[in-house]
C-alpha atoms as a PDB file:
ATOM      1  CA  MET A   1     108.937-149.370 407.553  1.00  0.00           C
ATOM      2  CA  SER A   2     106.308-151.585 407.067  1.00  0.00           C
ATOM      3  CA  LEU A   3     106.839-155.405 406.172  1.00  0.00           C
ATOM      4  CA  PHE A   4     104.841-154.645 403.002  1.00  0.00           C
ATOM      5  CA  THR A   5     107.111-151.893 402.098  1.00  0.00           C
ATOM      6  CA  SER A   6     110.301-153.839 402.613  1.00  0.00           C
ATOM      7  CA  VAL A   7     109.050-156.741 400.570  1.00  0.00           C
ATOM      8  CA  ARG A   8     107.882-154.290 397.899  1.00  0.00           C
ATOM      9  CA  GLY A   9     111.332-152.681 397.810  1.00  0.00           C
ATOM     10  CA  ALA A  10     113.017-155.870 397.644  1.00  0.00           C
ATOM     11  CA  ILE A  11     111.092-157.210 394.766  1.00  0.00           C
ATOM     12  CA  GLU A  12     111.717-153.874 392.878  1.00  0.00           C
ATOM     13  CA  ARG A  13     115.528-154.299 393.483  1.00  0.00           C
ATOM     14  CA  VAL A  14     115.514-157.927 392.066  1.00  0.00           C
ATOM     15  CA  GLY A  15     113.419-156.497 389.129  1.00  0.00           C
ATOM     16  CA  ALA A  16     115.859-153.858 388.283  1.00  0.00           C
ATOM     17  CA  ALA A  17     118.791-156.315 388.756  1.00  0.00           C
ATOM     18  CA  ARG A  18     117.321-158.758 386.234  1.00  0.00           C
ATOM     19  CA  ARG A  19     116.773-155.806 383.854  1.00  0.00           C
ATOM     20  CA  ARG A  20     120.411-154.658 384.103  1.00  0.00           C
ATOM     21  CA  ARG A  21     121.653-158.346 383.483  1.00  0.00           C
ATOM     22  CA  ARG A  22     119.362-158.631 380.400  1.00  0.00           C
ATOM     23  CA  ASP A  23     120.622-155.267 379.088  1.00  0.00           C
ATOM     24  CA  TYR A  24     124.306-156.460 379.737  1.00  0.00           C
ATOM     25  CA  ASP A  25     123.722-159.789 378.022  1.00  0.00           C
ATOM     26  CA  ARG A  26     121.959-158.018 375.078  1.00  0.00           C
ATOM     27  CA  LEU A  27     124.915-155.520 374.683  1.00  0.00           C
ATOM     28  CA  ASN A  28     127.584-158.276 375.078  1.00  0.00           C
ATOM     29  CA  ALA A  29     125.746-160.363 372.193  1.00  0.00           C
ATOM     30  CA  MET A  30     126.410-157.599 369.750  1.00  0.00           C
ATOM     31  CA  ASP A  31     129.539-157.627 367.841  1.00  0.00           C
ATOM     32  CA  ASP A  32     132.075-154.749 367.686  1.00  0.00           C
ATOM     33  CA  SER A  33     130.770-153.294 364.737  1.00  0.00           C
ATOM     34  CA  GLN A  34     127.037-153.126 365.958  1.00  0.00           C
ATOM     35  CA  LEU A  35     128.525-151.563 369.139  1.00  0.00           C
ATOM     36  CA  ARG A  36     130.432-149.044 367.167  1.00  0.00           C
ATOM     37  CA  ASP A  37     127.166-147.925 365.302  1.00  0.00           C
ATOM     38  CA  ILE A  38     125.598-147.233 368.655  1.00  0.00           C
ATOM     39  CA  GLY A  39     128.601-145.470 369.926  1.00  0.00           C
ATOM     40  CA  LEU A  40     129.851-147.879 372.408  1.00  0.00           C
ATOM     41  CA  THR A  41     132.888-150.163 372.954  1.00  0.00           C
ATOM     42  CA  ARG A  42     133.242-153.345 374.929  1.00  0.00           C
ATOM     43  CA  GLY A  43     135.046-151.279 377.791  1.00  0.00           C
ATOM     44  CA  ASP A  44     132.064-148.846 377.951  1.00  0.00           C
ATOM     45  CA  ILE A  45     129.537-151.816 378.699  1.00  0.00           C
ATOM     46  CA  MET A  46     131.929-153.226 381.390  1.00  0.00           C
ATOM     47  CA  ALA A  47     132.717-149.790 382.852  1.00  0.00           C
ATOM     48  CA  GLY A  48     128.800-148.521 382.644  1.00  0.00           C
ATOM     49  CA  PHE A  49     127.706-151.746 384.616  1.00  0.00           C
ATOM     50  CA  ALA A  50     130.750-151.793 386.986  1.00  0.00           C
ATOM     51  CA  ARG A  51     129.850-148.167 387.867  1.00  0.00           C
ATOM     52  CA  ARG A  52     126.078-148.986 388.361  1.00  0.00           C
ATOM     53  CA  ARG A  53     126.922-151.964 390.610  1.00  0.00           C
ATOM     54  CA  SER A  54     129.159-149.935 392.715  1.00  0.00           C
ATOM     55  CA  GLN A  55     126.400-147.741 393.449  1.00  0.00           C
ATOM     56  CA  PHE A  56     124.515-150.505 395.443  1.00  0.00           C
ATOM     57  CA  GLU A  57     127.351-151.757 397.457  1.00  0.00           C
END
């Protein structure tokens, strides 16, 4: 694996982590009524992001 490939992969992982955090923050900013309108609960948000995080550990 080249240095370029390693650096590019690291940058992509950081970008993906930032997008996940932004999405998490946006969903958490919604009130329960808004979440219900899109078929989610606070538990769904936490479970979804916790499951996603464990895939990378």
